N, C-alpha and C. Protein backbone atom coordinates (compact mmCIF):
# COMPACT_ATOMS: atom_id res chain seq x y z
N MET A 1 0.81 -1.19 0.00
CA MET A 1 0.00 0.00 0.00
C MET A 1 0.86 1.26 0.00
N ALA A 2 1.88 1.29 0.84
CA ALA A 2 2.76 2.46 0.92
C ALA A 2 3.44 2.72 -0.42
N ALA A 3 3.78 1.67 -1.13
CA ALA A 3 4.42 1.82 -2.44
C ALA A 3 3.45 2.48 -3.43
N ASN A 4 2.17 2.11 -3.38
CA ASN A 4 1.18 2.72 -4.26
C ASN A 4 0.98 4.20 -3.94
N ILE A 5 0.94 4.50 -2.65
CA ILE A 5 0.78 5.90 -2.23
C ILE A 5 1.96 6.73 -2.73
N ALA A 6 3.16 6.25 -2.52
CA ALA A 6 4.36 6.97 -2.97
C ALA A 6 4.38 7.10 -4.48
N TYR A 7 4.00 6.05 -5.19
CA TYR A 7 4.01 6.08 -6.65
C TYR A 7 3.03 7.13 -7.17
N LEU A 8 1.79 7.10 -6.68
CA LEU A 8 0.79 8.05 -7.16
C LEU A 8 1.18 9.49 -6.83
N ARG A 9 1.60 9.74 -5.60
CA ARG A 9 1.99 11.10 -5.21
C ARG A 9 3.18 11.57 -6.05
N GLY A 10 4.14 10.69 -6.28
CA GLY A 10 5.31 11.06 -7.09
C GLY A 10 4.94 11.35 -8.53
N LEU A 11 4.06 10.53 -9.10
CA LEU A 11 3.63 10.72 -10.49
C LEU A 11 2.83 12.01 -10.63
N LEU A 12 1.98 12.29 -9.68
CA LEU A 12 1.23 13.55 -9.72
C LEU A 12 2.18 14.75 -9.61
N ALA A 13 3.11 14.69 -8.67
CA ALA A 13 4.07 15.79 -8.49
C ALA A 13 4.93 15.99 -9.75
N LYS A 14 5.37 14.88 -10.34
CA LYS A 14 6.19 14.94 -11.56
C LYS A 14 5.44 15.66 -12.68
N ASN A 15 4.11 15.58 -12.65
CA ASN A 15 3.30 16.19 -13.70
C ASN A 15 2.66 17.51 -13.26
N GLY A 16 3.21 18.12 -12.21
CA GLY A 16 2.82 19.46 -11.82
C GLY A 16 1.62 19.58 -10.91
N PHE A 17 1.15 18.48 -10.35
CA PHE A 17 0.03 18.54 -9.41
C PHE A 17 0.57 18.67 -8.00
N VAL A 18 -0.14 19.40 -7.17
CA VAL A 18 0.24 19.58 -5.77
C VAL A 18 -0.58 18.62 -4.92
N THR A 19 0.12 17.85 -4.09
CA THR A 19 -0.52 16.88 -3.19
C THR A 19 -0.04 17.17 -1.77
N PRO A 20 -0.70 18.13 -1.09
CA PRO A 20 -0.22 18.53 0.24
C PRO A 20 -0.47 17.45 1.30
N GLY A 21 0.15 17.65 2.43
CA GLY A 21 -0.07 16.76 3.57
C GLY A 21 0.88 15.59 3.59
N GLU A 22 0.73 14.81 4.62
CA GLU A 22 1.55 13.62 4.82
C GLU A 22 1.01 12.48 3.96
N PRO A 23 1.89 11.61 3.46
CA PRO A 23 1.43 10.47 2.67
C PRO A 23 0.47 9.59 3.46
N SER A 24 -0.67 9.31 2.83
CA SER A 24 -1.66 8.39 3.41
C SER A 24 -2.49 7.83 2.26
N ALA A 25 -3.42 6.96 2.57
CA ALA A 25 -4.26 6.35 1.54
C ALA A 25 -5.19 7.36 0.88
N ILE A 26 -5.42 8.50 1.53
CA ILE A 26 -6.21 9.58 0.94
C ILE A 26 -5.23 10.63 0.42
N VAL A 27 -5.26 10.83 -0.89
CA VAL A 27 -4.34 11.78 -1.53
C VAL A 27 -5.12 13.00 -1.97
N PRO A 28 -4.86 14.17 -1.36
CA PRO A 28 -5.50 15.39 -1.83
C PRO A 28 -4.75 15.93 -3.05
N VAL A 29 -5.49 16.28 -4.09
CA VAL A 29 -4.89 16.81 -5.32
C VAL A 29 -5.50 18.18 -5.57
N VAL A 30 -4.71 19.22 -5.42
CA VAL A 30 -5.19 20.59 -5.58
C VAL A 30 -5.56 20.83 -7.05
N VAL A 31 -6.79 21.33 -7.27
CA VAL A 31 -7.25 21.60 -8.63
C VAL A 31 -7.68 23.05 -8.83
N GLY A 32 -7.56 23.90 -7.82
CA GLY A 32 -7.77 25.33 -8.01
C GLY A 32 -9.15 25.85 -7.67
N ASP A 33 -9.58 26.85 -8.45
CA ASP A 33 -10.85 27.51 -8.15
C ASP A 33 -12.03 26.58 -8.39
N SER A 34 -13.15 26.92 -7.79
CA SER A 34 -14.33 26.06 -7.84
C SER A 34 -14.82 25.78 -9.26
N ALA A 35 -14.85 26.81 -10.10
CA ALA A 35 -15.35 26.62 -11.47
C ALA A 35 -14.48 25.65 -12.24
N THR A 36 -13.17 25.85 -12.19
CA THR A 36 -12.25 24.96 -12.88
C THR A 36 -12.33 23.56 -12.30
N ALA A 37 -12.39 23.47 -10.97
CA ALA A 37 -12.44 22.18 -10.31
C ALA A 37 -13.68 21.39 -10.72
N ARG A 38 -14.81 22.06 -10.85
CA ARG A 38 -16.03 21.36 -11.27
C ARG A 38 -15.92 20.84 -12.70
N LEU A 39 -15.35 21.65 -13.58
CA LEU A 39 -15.17 21.21 -14.97
C LEU A 39 -14.19 20.04 -15.05
N MET A 40 -13.09 20.14 -14.31
CA MET A 40 -12.11 19.06 -14.31
C MET A 40 -12.70 17.78 -13.71
N THR A 41 -13.50 17.93 -12.67
CA THR A 41 -14.12 16.77 -12.04
C THR A 41 -15.10 16.09 -12.98
N ARG A 42 -15.89 16.88 -13.68
CA ARG A 42 -16.83 16.31 -14.65
C ARG A 42 -16.06 15.54 -15.72
N HIS A 43 -14.95 16.10 -16.18
CA HIS A 43 -14.11 15.43 -17.18
C HIS A 43 -13.60 14.09 -16.64
N MET A 44 -13.12 14.09 -15.41
CA MET A 44 -12.60 12.87 -14.80
C MET A 44 -13.68 11.80 -14.70
N ILE A 45 -14.85 12.17 -14.22
CA ILE A 45 -15.93 11.21 -14.03
C ILE A 45 -16.39 10.66 -15.38
N ARG A 46 -16.53 11.53 -16.36
CA ARG A 46 -16.93 11.07 -17.70
C ARG A 46 -15.88 10.15 -18.32
N SER A 47 -14.63 10.30 -17.87
CA SER A 47 -13.56 9.45 -18.38
C SER A 47 -13.41 8.16 -17.58
N GLY A 48 -14.24 8.00 -16.54
CA GLY A 48 -14.21 6.77 -15.76
C GLY A 48 -13.38 6.83 -14.50
N ALA A 49 -12.81 7.99 -14.18
CA ALA A 49 -12.00 8.13 -12.97
C ALA A 49 -12.92 8.44 -11.79
N ILE A 50 -12.54 8.00 -10.63
CA ILE A 50 -13.32 8.27 -9.43
C ILE A 50 -12.57 9.31 -8.60
N VAL A 51 -13.20 10.48 -8.47
CA VAL A 51 -12.64 11.55 -7.63
C VAL A 51 -13.77 12.16 -6.82
N ASN A 52 -13.45 12.58 -5.64
CA ASN A 52 -14.40 13.31 -4.79
C ASN A 52 -13.92 14.75 -4.71
N LEU A 53 -14.74 15.67 -5.14
CA LEU A 53 -14.36 17.09 -5.13
C LEU A 53 -14.69 17.70 -3.77
N VAL A 54 -13.71 18.39 -3.21
CA VAL A 54 -13.89 19.16 -1.99
C VAL A 54 -13.76 20.62 -2.41
N GLU A 55 -14.83 21.39 -2.18
CA GLU A 55 -14.83 22.78 -2.63
C GLU A 55 -15.48 23.68 -1.58
N TYR A 56 -15.56 24.95 -1.91
CA TYR A 56 -16.18 25.93 -1.04
C TYR A 56 -17.59 25.47 -0.68
N PRO A 57 -18.01 25.55 0.57
CA PRO A 57 -17.44 26.26 1.70
C PRO A 57 -16.50 25.43 2.57
N ALA A 58 -16.24 24.18 2.19
CA ALA A 58 -15.32 23.36 2.99
C ALA A 58 -13.89 23.89 2.94
N VAL A 59 -13.53 24.51 1.81
CA VAL A 59 -12.22 25.12 1.64
C VAL A 59 -12.42 26.47 0.95
N ALA A 60 -11.38 27.27 0.90
CA ALA A 60 -11.46 28.57 0.22
C ALA A 60 -11.83 28.36 -1.25
N ARG A 61 -12.50 29.33 -1.86
CA ARG A 61 -12.95 29.20 -3.25
C ARG A 61 -11.82 28.85 -4.21
N SER A 62 -10.64 29.31 -3.93
CA SER A 62 -9.51 29.09 -4.84
C SER A 62 -8.71 27.82 -4.52
N LYS A 63 -9.14 27.05 -3.55
CA LYS A 63 -8.35 25.91 -3.09
C LYS A 63 -9.09 24.58 -3.16
N SER A 64 -9.93 24.41 -4.16
CA SER A 64 -10.64 23.13 -4.31
C SER A 64 -9.63 22.01 -4.55
N PHE A 65 -9.99 20.82 -4.11
CA PHE A 65 -9.10 19.69 -4.36
C PHE A 65 -9.91 18.41 -4.50
N TRP A 66 -9.26 17.44 -5.16
CA TRP A 66 -9.83 16.10 -5.24
C TRP A 66 -9.34 15.31 -4.04
N ARG A 67 -10.20 14.49 -3.54
CA ARG A 67 -9.85 13.54 -2.48
C ARG A 67 -9.82 12.18 -3.16
N VAL A 68 -8.61 11.68 -3.38
CA VAL A 68 -8.41 10.44 -4.13
C VAL A 68 -7.97 9.35 -3.15
N GLN A 69 -8.57 8.19 -3.25
CA GLN A 69 -8.22 7.09 -2.36
C GLN A 69 -7.37 6.06 -3.09
N VAL A 70 -6.24 5.74 -2.51
CA VAL A 70 -5.34 4.72 -3.05
C VAL A 70 -5.62 3.41 -2.32
N MET A 71 -5.68 2.34 -3.10
CA MET A 71 -5.93 1.02 -2.51
C MET A 71 -4.75 0.09 -2.79
N ALA A 72 -4.61 -0.91 -1.97
CA ALA A 72 -3.51 -1.87 -2.12
C ALA A 72 -3.58 -2.62 -3.43
N ASP A 73 -4.81 -2.85 -3.94
CA ASP A 73 -4.91 -3.62 -5.18
C ASP A 73 -4.88 -2.76 -6.44
N HIS A 74 -4.63 -1.46 -6.30
CA HIS A 74 -4.41 -0.65 -7.50
C HIS A 74 -3.08 -1.08 -8.13
N GLU A 75 -3.09 -1.18 -9.43
CA GLU A 75 -1.86 -1.48 -10.16
C GLU A 75 -1.30 -0.18 -10.72
N ARG A 76 -0.03 -0.18 -11.05
CA ARG A 76 0.58 1.04 -11.59
C ARG A 76 -0.14 1.53 -12.83
N GLN A 77 -0.62 0.61 -13.63
CA GLN A 77 -1.36 0.97 -14.83
C GLN A 77 -2.60 1.80 -14.46
N HIS A 78 -3.28 1.44 -13.37
CA HIS A 78 -4.45 2.20 -12.92
C HIS A 78 -4.04 3.63 -12.58
N MET A 79 -2.95 3.76 -11.85
CA MET A 79 -2.50 5.09 -11.43
C MET A 79 -1.98 5.90 -12.61
N ASP A 80 -1.29 5.24 -13.54
CA ASP A 80 -0.83 5.93 -14.75
C ASP A 80 -2.01 6.47 -15.55
N THR A 81 -3.06 5.66 -15.68
CA THR A 81 -4.26 6.07 -16.41
C THR A 81 -4.95 7.22 -15.70
N PHE A 82 -5.03 7.16 -14.38
CA PHE A 82 -5.64 8.23 -13.61
C PHE A 82 -4.89 9.55 -13.83
N VAL A 83 -3.58 9.51 -13.73
CA VAL A 83 -2.79 10.74 -13.89
C VAL A 83 -2.89 11.27 -15.32
N ALA A 84 -2.90 10.39 -16.30
CA ALA A 84 -3.06 10.84 -17.69
C ALA A 84 -4.41 11.54 -17.86
N CYS A 85 -5.44 11.01 -17.24
CA CYS A 85 -6.76 11.63 -17.30
C CYS A 85 -6.76 12.98 -16.60
N ALA A 86 -6.08 13.08 -15.47
CA ALA A 86 -5.99 14.34 -14.74
C ALA A 86 -5.24 15.39 -15.55
N ILE A 87 -4.19 14.97 -16.24
CA ILE A 87 -3.44 15.89 -17.12
C ILE A 87 -4.35 16.39 -18.23
N ASP A 88 -5.12 15.50 -18.81
CA ASP A 88 -6.04 15.88 -19.87
C ASP A 88 -7.11 16.84 -19.35
N ALA A 89 -7.63 16.57 -18.16
CA ALA A 89 -8.64 17.46 -17.56
C ALA A 89 -8.05 18.84 -17.34
N ARG A 90 -6.83 18.89 -16.83
CA ARG A 90 -6.19 20.19 -16.59
C ARG A 90 -5.95 20.92 -17.90
N HIS A 91 -5.52 20.19 -18.91
CA HIS A 91 -5.28 20.79 -20.23
C HIS A 91 -6.59 21.33 -20.82
N GLN A 92 -7.65 20.55 -20.73
CA GLN A 92 -8.94 20.95 -21.30
C GLN A 92 -9.56 22.12 -20.56
N TRP A 93 -9.38 22.16 -19.24
CA TRP A 93 -10.13 23.11 -18.44
C TRP A 93 -9.26 24.06 -17.62
N SER A 94 -8.04 24.32 -18.07
CA SER A 94 -7.21 25.30 -17.38
C SER A 94 -7.80 26.68 -17.59
N ALA A 95 -7.35 27.65 -16.84
CA ALA A 95 -7.87 29.02 -16.95
C ALA A 95 -7.80 29.57 -18.37
N PRO A 96 -6.69 29.40 -19.09
CA PRO A 96 -6.67 29.91 -20.47
C PRO A 96 -7.71 29.23 -21.36
N SER A 97 -7.94 27.95 -21.18
CA SER A 97 -8.94 27.24 -21.98
C SER A 97 -10.32 27.76 -21.67
N ARG A 98 -10.62 28.01 -20.39
CA ARG A 98 -11.91 28.54 -20.00
C ARG A 98 -12.09 29.95 -20.56
N ALA A 99 -11.01 30.75 -20.56
CA ALA A 99 -11.09 32.11 -21.11
C ALA A 99 -11.37 32.06 -22.61
N ALA A 100 -10.73 31.12 -23.29
CA ALA A 100 -10.97 30.98 -24.73
C ALA A 100 -12.41 30.55 -25.00
N LEU A 101 -12.92 29.65 -24.17
CA LEU A 101 -14.30 29.20 -24.31
C LEU A 101 -15.26 30.37 -24.10
N ALA A 102 -15.00 31.17 -23.09
CA ALA A 102 -15.86 32.33 -22.81
C ALA A 102 -15.80 33.33 -23.96
N ALA A 103 -14.60 33.55 -24.51
CA ALA A 103 -14.46 34.47 -25.64
C ALA A 103 -15.22 33.97 -26.85
N THR A 104 -15.19 32.66 -27.06
CA THR A 104 -15.93 32.07 -28.18
C THR A 104 -17.42 32.29 -28.00
N ARG A 105 -17.90 32.10 -26.80
CA ARG A 105 -19.32 32.31 -26.52
C ARG A 105 -19.70 33.77 -26.73
N GLU A 106 -18.83 34.69 -26.32
CA GLU A 106 -19.11 36.11 -26.47
C GLU A 106 -19.23 36.52 -27.92
N THR A 107 -18.44 35.92 -28.80
CA THR A 107 -18.46 36.32 -30.20
C THR A 107 -19.72 35.83 -30.91
N HIS A 108 -20.45 34.92 -30.29
CA HIS A 108 -21.66 34.39 -30.92
C HIS A 108 -22.95 34.94 -30.31
N VAL A 109 -22.81 35.94 -29.46
CA VAL A 109 -23.98 36.53 -28.84
C VAL A 109 -24.59 37.55 -29.80
N ALA A 110 -25.87 37.43 -30.06
CA ALA A 110 -26.54 38.38 -30.95
C ALA A 110 -26.75 39.70 -30.21
N VAL A 111 -26.40 40.77 -30.86
CA VAL A 111 -26.56 42.10 -30.28
C VAL A 111 -27.78 42.73 -30.91
N PRO A 112 -28.77 43.13 -30.11
CA PRO A 112 -29.97 43.74 -30.69
C PRO A 112 -29.66 45.09 -31.33
N ASP A 113 -30.39 45.43 -32.39
CA ASP A 113 -30.19 46.72 -33.06
C ASP A 113 -30.80 47.85 -32.29
């Protein structure tokens, strides 16, 4: 179990994710503001990953995180797939991507005469 915890935390850190706290079977993964966190969480769930989102008012609006549980029977392939999905979620729903999406929506708004 400890090897799985270390592997997942190391893989997340290597890919730019912050996992605060002491190593345990529950791995917190910081995902940022509530809006981004919700979009990333939806992406993860639709991709088959299991994450529990912790957001405001439990934490500050800008400090949402996933609560991920590591199990002894997880294989490295499972953790590799999870992190790849998290990277994709971050890429799809980072602040610049959300800004581009909002700009796209703004350009299609009909302005009354």
